[in-house]
Amino acid sequence: MLDNLSHSALAGQLCGLVALVICVVAFASKNDDRLLVLLISANVAFALQFVFFESWTAAALTVLVMRIVLARRYLGSKAVMAGVLLASGIAAAFTWQSWVDMLPVAAMVLGTVGMFLMRGIAMRVFLGLAAFAWMLNNLLIGTIGGTVAEGLIVVTNIITIIRLVRAKRKYPDVFEGGEEPGAITKAGQD
């Protein structure tokens, strides 16, 4: 099986597997700062994977990993989010190759909106949908590590959403006004 792969495809598979390992280590971390650094590292490996597979839109949008840092620093800022979406849209326009590139664009939009504007269950739904779009993209371009990594993220998100829904039902007093802890409640926050 590996004999039929080009050197570029082999390098892409290796980068995808490295990204998978980094993602597992990242999500096992209890420290948010370590999680953030590891996720940025995983995105570098994913970007390299996409370069080796010549999936240029996916590579460009993955390089724009700074959105994770910006979303954390400017939580709820529609202006910063709009800037990230604009930069991503420009990158996608310059790298577009086929309809498959719609999947990384959809993932980027869902992930960006989820990270900037949502918390709790809603954020995880958006991030889960983004991971599903990335997983489909990875399946279509043929990367094993990337597909498995995104599949694990989808499953982890589903399990976490179920746990949050159960906690919300069991402890309704903790979730004031139906909001999850940490949800944005300040109206008009820009």
C-alpha atoms as a PDB file:
ATOM      1  CA  MET A   1       0.000   0.000   0.000  1.00  0.00           C
ATOM      2  CA  LEU A   2       2.728   2.496   0.939  1.00  0.00           C
ATOM      3  CA  ASP A   3       4.705   1.576  -2.195  1.00  0.00           C
ATOM      4  CA  ASN A   4       2.060   3.264  -4.345  1.00  0.00           C
ATOM      5  CA  LEU A   5       2.294   6.606  -2.502  1.00  0.00           C
ATOM      6  CA  SER A   6       4.475   9.454  -3.723  1.00  0.00           C
ATOM      7  CA  HIS A   7       7.090  10.978  -1.425  1.00  0.00           C
ATOM      8  CA  SER A   8       4.811  13.982  -1.012  1.00  0.00           C
ATOM      9  CA  ALA A   9       1.837  11.805  -0.031  1.00  0.00           C
ATOM     10  CA  LEU A  10       4.004   9.864   2.449  1.00  0.00           C
ATOM     11  CA  ALA A  11       5.217  13.131   3.992  1.00  0.00           C
ATOM     12  CA  GLY A  12       1.605  14.319   4.183  1.00  0.00           C
ATOM     13  CA  GLN A  13       0.532  11.113   5.924  1.00  0.00           C
ATOM     14  CA  LEU A  14       3.398  11.473   8.401  1.00  0.00           C
ATOM     15  CA  CYS A  15       2.423  15.095   9.171  1.00  0.00           C
ATOM     16  CA  GLY A  16      -1.198  14.004   9.653  1.00  0.00           C
ATOM     17  CA  LEU A  17      -0.137  11.308  12.114  1.00  0.00           C
ATOM     18  CA  VAL A  18       2.077  13.797  14.002  1.00  0.00           C
ATOM     19  CA  ALA A  19      -0.903  16.177  14.189  1.00  0.00           C
ATOM     20  CA  LEU A  20      -3.061  13.329  15.505  1.00  0.00           C
ATOM     21  CA  VAL A  21      -0.590  12.577  18.322  1.00  0.00           C
ATOM     22  CA  ILE A  22      -0.335  16.276  19.228  1.00  0.00           C
ATOM     23  CA  CYS A  23      -4.152  16.566  19.310  1.00  0.00           C
ATOM     24  CA  VAL A  24      -4.450  13.595  21.665  1.00  0.00           C
ATOM     25  CA  VAL A  25      -1.802  15.063  23.977  1.00  0.00           C
ATOM     26  CA  ALA A  26      -3.452  18.515  23.751  1.00  0.00           C
ATOM     27  CA  PHE A  27      -6.931  17.338  24.684  1.00  0.00           C
ATOM     28  CA  ALA A  28      -5.513  15.243  27.531  1.00  0.00           C
ATOM     29  CA  SER A  29      -3.989  18.387  29.060  1.00  0.00           C
ATOM     30  CA  LYS A  30      -5.777  20.019  31.990  1.00  0.00           C
ATOM     31  CA  ASN A  31      -3.842  23.265  31.512  1.00  0.00           C
ATOM     32  CA  ASP A  32      -5.554  25.706  29.095  1.00  0.00           C
ATOM     33  CA  ASP A  33      -2.305  27.427  28.127  1.00  0.00           C
ATOM     34  CA  ARG A  34      -0.629  24.108  27.305  1.00  0.00           C
ATOM     35  CA  LEU A  35      -3.735  23.061  25.366  1.00  0.00           C
ATOM     36  CA  LEU A  36      -3.537  26.273  23.310  1.00  0.00           C
ATOM     37  CA  VAL A  37       0.169  25.854  22.518  1.00  0.00           C
ATOM     38  CA  LEU A  38      -0.330  22.216  21.552  1.00  0.00           C
ATOM     39  CA  LEU A  39      -3.320  23.056  19.335  1.00  0.00           C
ATOM     40  CA  ILE A  40      -1.233  25.662  17.539  1.00  0.00           C
ATOM     41  CA  SER A  41       1.491  23.030  17.072  1.00  0.00           C
ATOM     42  CA  ALA A  42      -1.074  20.547  15.744  1.00  0.00           C
ATOM     43  CA  ASN A  43      -2.303  23.163  13.284  1.00  0.00           C
ATOM     44  CA  VAL A  44       1.251  23.639  11.994  1.00  0.00           C
ATOM     45  CA  ALA A  45       1.447  19.866  11.370  1.00  0.00           C
ATOM     46  CA  PHE A  46      -1.999  19.931   9.719  1.00  0.00           C
ATOM     47  CA  ALA A  47      -0.935  22.849   7.492  1.00  0.00           C
ATOM     48  CA  LEU A  48       2.149  20.914   6.384  1.00  0.00           C
ATOM     49  CA  GLN A  49      -0.031  17.876   5.745  1.00  0.00           C
ATOM     50  CA  PHE A  50      -2.282  19.957   3.476  1.00  0.00           C
ATOM     51  CA  VAL A  51       0.726  21.413   1.651  1.00  0.00           C
ATOM     52  CA  PHE A  52       2.036  17.913   0.900  1.00  0.00           C
ATOM     53  CA  PHE A  53      -1.424  16.922  -0.370  1.00  0.00           C
ATOM     54  CA  GLU A  54      -1.590  20.167  -2.403  1.00  0.00           C
ATOM     55  CA  SER A  55      -4.812  21.150  -0.656  1.00  0.00           C
ATOM     56  CA  TRP A  56      -3.970  24.850  -0.736  1.00  0.00           C
ATOM     57  CA  THR A  57      -7.173  26.341   0.708  1.00  0.00           C
ATOM     58  CA  ALA A  58      -7.047  23.947   3.664  1.00  0.00           C
ATOM     59  CA  ALA A  59      -3.361  24.797   4.174  1.00  0.00           C
ATOM     60  CA  ALA A  60      -3.972  28.562   4.043  1.00  0.00           C
ATOM     61  CA  LEU A  61      -6.916  28.431   6.431  1.00  0.00           C
ATOM     62  CA  THR A  62      -5.020  26.184   8.833  1.00  0.00           C
ATOM     63  CA  VAL A  63      -2.086  28.623   8.870  1.00  0.00           C
ATOM     64  CA  LEU A  64      -4.530  31.255  10.099  1.00  0.00           C
ATOM     65  CA  VAL A  65      -4.458  29.470  13.468  1.00  0.00           C
ATOM     66  CA  MET A  66      -4.007  32.865  15.115  1.00  0.00           C
ATOM     67  CA  ARG A  67      -7.799  32.947  15.296  1.00  0.00           C
ATOM     68  CA  ILE A  68      -7.588  30.629  18.330  1.00  0.00           C
ATOM     69  CA  VAL A  69      -5.426  33.160  20.171  1.00  0.00           C
ATOM     70  CA  LEU A  70      -7.570  36.094  19.017  1.00  0.00           C
ATOM     71  CA  ALA A  71     -10.814  34.354  19.981  1.00  0.00           C
ATOM     72  CA  ARG A  72      -9.483  33.736  23.450  1.00  0.00           C
ATOM     73  CA  ARG A  73      -8.218  37.292  23.866  1.00  0.00           C
ATOM     74  CA  TYR A  74     -11.176  39.052  22.202  1.00  0.00           C
ATOM     75  CA  LEU A  75     -14.020  36.770  23.229  1.00  0.00           C
ATOM     76  CA  GLY A  76     -17.292  38.159  21.920  1.00  0.00           C
ATOM     77  CA  SER A  77     -15.684  40.756  19.653  1.00  0.00           C
ATOM     78  CA  LYS A  78     -17.636  40.803  16.412  1.00  0.00           C
ATOM     79  CA  ALA A  79     -15.159  43.268  14.897  1.00  0.00           C
ATOM     80  CA  VAL A  80     -12.122  41.022  15.458  1.00  0.00           C
ATOM     81  CA  MET A  81     -14.136  37.997  14.336  1.00  0.00           C
ATOM     82  CA  ALA A  82     -15.117  39.850  11.137  1.00  0.00           C
ATOM     83  CA  GLY A  83     -11.430  40.611  10.500  1.00  0.00           C
ATOM     84  CA  VAL A  84     -10.527  36.941  10.896  1.00  0.00           C
ATOM     85  CA  LEU A  85     -13.367  35.899   8.583  1.00  0.00           C
ATOM     86  CA  LEU A  86     -12.308  38.507   6.007  1.00  0.00           C
ATOM     87  CA  ALA A  87      -8.654  37.390   6.094  1.00  0.00           C
ATOM     88  CA  SER A  88      -9.772  33.770   5.760  1.00  0.00           C
ATOM     89  CA  GLY A  89     -12.097  34.617   2.884  1.00  0.00           C
ATOM     90  CA  ILE A  90      -9.282  36.382   1.034  1.00  0.00           C
ATOM     91  CA  ALA A  91      -6.950  33.420   1.612  1.00  0.00           C
ATOM     92  CA  ALA A  92      -9.622  31.024   0.335  1.00  0.00           C
ATOM     93  CA  ALA A  93     -10.262  33.157  -2.758  1.00  0.00           C
ATOM     94  CA  PHE A  94      -6.581  33.103  -3.709  1.00  0.00           C
ATOM     95  CA  THR A  95      -6.133  29.359  -3.133  1.00  0.00           C
ATOM     96  CA  TRP A  96      -9.473  27.934  -4.353  1.00  0.00           C
ATOM     97  CA  GLN A  97      -9.128  24.816  -6.540  1.00  0.00           C
ATOM     98  CA  SER A  98     -12.416  22.878  -6.453  1.00  0.00           C
ATOM     99  CA  TRP A  99     -15.683  22.320  -4.645  1.00  0.00           C
ATOM    100  CA  VAL A 100     -13.783  20.303  -1.997  1.00  0.00           C
ATOM    101  CA  ASP A 101     -12.377  23.636  -0.769  1.00  0.00           C
ATOM    102  CA  MET A 102     -15.881  24.491   0.455  1.00  0.00           C
ATOM    103  CA  LEU A 103     -15.314  22.065   3.367  1.00  0.00           C
ATOM    104  CA  PRO A 104     -12.313  23.924   4.887  1.00  0.00           C
ATOM    105  CA  VAL A 105     -14.161  27.228   4.341  1.00  0.00           C
ATOM    106  CA  ALA A 106     -17.247  25.883   6.144  1.00  0.00           C
ATOM    107  CA  ALA A 107     -15.055  24.513   8.943  1.00  0.00           C
ATOM    108  CA  MET A 108     -13.260  27.835   9.314  1.00  0.00           C
ATOM    109  CA  VAL A 109     -16.524  29.826   9.482  1.00  0.00           C
ATOM    110  CA  LEU A 110     -18.160  27.435  11.967  1.00  0.00           C
ATOM    111  CA  GLY A 111     -15.054  27.255  14.161  1.00  0.00           C
ATOM    112  CA  THR A 112     -14.465  31.005  14.127  1.00  0.00           C
ATOM    113  CA  VAL A 113     -18.066  31.904  14.986  1.00  0.00           C
ATOM    114  CA  GLY A 114     -18.148  29.213  17.670  1.00  0.00           C
ATOM    115  CA  MET A 115     -14.890  30.336  19.284  1.00  0.00           C
ATOM    116  CA  PHE A 116     -15.635  34.065  19.208  1.00  0.00           C
ATOM    117  CA  LEU A 117     -19.335  34.211  20.053  1.00  0.00           C
ATOM    118  CA  MET A 118     -20.334  31.069  21.916  1.00  0.00           C
ATOM    119  CA  ARG A 119     -19.625  29.094  25.048  1.00  0.00           C
ATOM    120  CA  GLY A 120     -20.735  25.787  26.491  1.00  0.00           C
ATOM    121  CA  ILE A 121     -22.981  23.509  24.438  1.00  0.00           C
ATOM    122  CA  ALA A 122     -23.480  25.943  21.540  1.00  0.00           C
ATOM    123  CA  MET A 123     -19.724  26.399  21.096  1.00  0.00           C
ATOM    124  CA  ARG A 124     -19.133  22.666  21.139  1.00  0.00           C
ATOM    125  CA  VAL A 125     -21.874  22.099  18.548  1.00  0.00           C
ATOM    126  CA  PHE A 126     -20.210  24.620  16.218  1.00  0.00           C
ATOM    127  CA  LEU A 127     -16.732  23.187  16.857  1.00  0.00           C
ATOM    128  CA  GLY A 128     -18.078  19.665  16.329  1.00  0.00           C
ATOM    129  CA  LEU A 129     -19.616  20.674  12.998  1.00  0.00           C
ATOM    130  CA  ALA A 130     -16.321  22.329  12.037  1.00  0.00           C
ATOM    131  CA  ALA A 131     -14.427  19.135  12.916  1.00  0.00           C
ATOM    132  CA  PHE A 132     -16.916  17.128  10.848  1.00  0.00           C
ATOM    133  CA  ALA A 133     -16.269  19.385   7.828  1.00  0.00           C
ATOM    134  CA  TRP A 134     -12.490  18.986   8.341  1.00  0.00           C
ATOM    135  CA  MET A 135     -12.946  15.209   8.643  1.00  0.00           C
ATOM    136  CA  LEU A 136     -14.834  15.078   5.326  1.00  0.00           C
ATOM    137  CA  ASN A 137     -12.117  17.221   3.708  1.00  0.00           C
ATOM    138  CA  ASN A 138      -9.419  14.884   5.047  1.00  0.00           C
ATOM    139  CA  LEU A 139     -11.300  11.824   3.779  1.00  0.00           C
ATOM    140  CA  LEU A 140     -11.594  13.343   0.304  1.00  0.00           C
ATOM    141  CA  ILE A 141      -7.904  14.250   0.054  1.00  0.00           C
ATOM    142  CA  GLY A 142      -6.851  10.884   1.524  1.00  0.00           C
ATOM    143  CA  THR A 143      -5.099  11.724   4.784  1.00  0.00           C
ATOM    144  CA  ILE A 144      -5.363   9.042   7.461  1.00  0.00           C
ATOM    145  CA  GLY A 145      -4.009  10.935  10.492  1.00  0.00           C
ATOM    146  CA  GLY A 146      -6.081  14.037   9.770  1.00  0.00           C
ATOM    147  CA  THR A 147      -9.260  11.997   9.325  1.00  0.00           C
ATOM    148  CA  VAL A 148      -8.727  10.074  12.564  1.00  0.00           C
ATOM    149  CA  ALA A 149      -7.827  13.269  14.484  1.00  0.00           C
ATOM    150  CA  GLU A 150     -10.971  15.073  13.355  1.00  0.00           C
ATOM    151  CA  GLY A 151     -13.070  11.951  13.972  1.00  0.00           C
ATOM    152  CA  LEU A 152     -11.786  11.836  17.553  1.00  0.00           C
ATOM    153  CA  ILE A 153     -12.640  15.519  17.962  1.00  0.00           C
ATOM    154  CA  VAL A 154     -16.189  14.903  16.664  1.00  0.00           C
ATOM    155  CA  VAL A 155     -16.691  11.977  19.070  1.00  0.00           C
ATOM    156  CA  THR A 156     -15.174  13.903  21.991  1.00  0.00           C
ATOM    157  CA  ASN A 157     -17.461  16.865  21.284  1.00  0.00           C
ATOM    158  CA  ILE A 158     -20.549  14.633  21.173  1.00  0.00           C
ATOM    159  CA  ILE A 159     -19.627  13.012  24.495  1.00  0.00           C
ATOM    160  CA  THR A 160     -18.940  16.413  26.088  1.00  0.00           C
ATOM    161  CA  ILE A 161     -22.241  17.833  24.801  1.00  0.00           C
ATOM    162  CA  ILE A 162     -24.123  14.855  26.267  1.00  0.00           C
ATOM    163  CA  ARG A 163     -22.328  15.364  29.591  1.00  0.00           C
ATOM    164  CA  LEU A 164     -23.183  19.088  29.594  1.00  0.00           C
ATOM    165  CA  VAL A 165     -26.852  18.424  28.762  1.00  0.00           C
ATOM    166  CA  ARG A 166     -27.061  15.884  31.595  1.00  0.00           C
ATOM    167  CA  ALA A 167     -25.379  18.294  34.018  1.00  0.00           C
ATOM    168  CA  LYS A 168     -27.758  21.058  32.944  1.00  0.00           C
ATOM    169  CA  ARG A 169     -30.749  18.797  33.656  1.00  0.00           C
ATOM    170  CA  LYS A 170     -29.333  17.538  36.955  1.00  0.00           C
ATOM    171  CA  TYR A 171     -28.217  20.961  38.251  1.00  0.00           C
ATOM    172  CA  PRO A 172     -30.545  23.551  36.664  1.00  0.00           C
ATOM    173  CA  ASP A 173     -29.715  26.127  39.373  1.00  0.00           C
ATOM    174  CA  VAL A 174     -26.074  26.203  38.213  1.00  0.00           C
ATOM    175  CA  PHE A 175     -27.159  27.158  34.688  1.00  0.00           C
ATOM    176  CA  GLU A 176     -28.763  30.559  35.275  1.00  0.00           C
ATOM    177  CA  GLY A 177     -31.372  31.454  32.677  1.00  0.00           C
ATOM    178  CA  GLY A 178     -30.530  28.347  30.683  1.00  0.00           C
ATOM    179  CA  GLU A 179     -26.948  29.478  30.027  1.00  0.00           C
ATOM    180  CA  GLU A 180     -23.930  27.282  30.451  1.00  0.00           C
ATOM    181  CA  PRO A 181     -21.211  28.495  32.801  1.00  0.00           C
ATOM    182  CA  GLY A 182     -18.982  30.940  30.962  1.00  0.00           C
ATOM    183  CA  ALA A 183     -21.611  31.784  28.334  1.00  0.00           C
ATOM    184  CA  ILE A 184     -21.617  35.315  26.997  1.00  0.00           C
ATOM    185  CA  THR A 185     -24.516  37.104  28.676  1.00  0.00           C
ATOM    186  CA  LYS A 186     -23.548  40.746  28.104  1.00  0.00           C
ATOM    187  CA  ALA A 187     -25.815  42.036  25.333  1.00  0.00           C
ATOM    188  CA  GLY A 188     -24.242  43.931  22.479  1.00  0.00           C
ATOM    189  CA  GLN A 189     -20.686  42.924  23.367  1.00  0.00           C
ATOM    190  CA  ASP A 190     -18.346  44.015  20.539  1.00  0.00           C
END
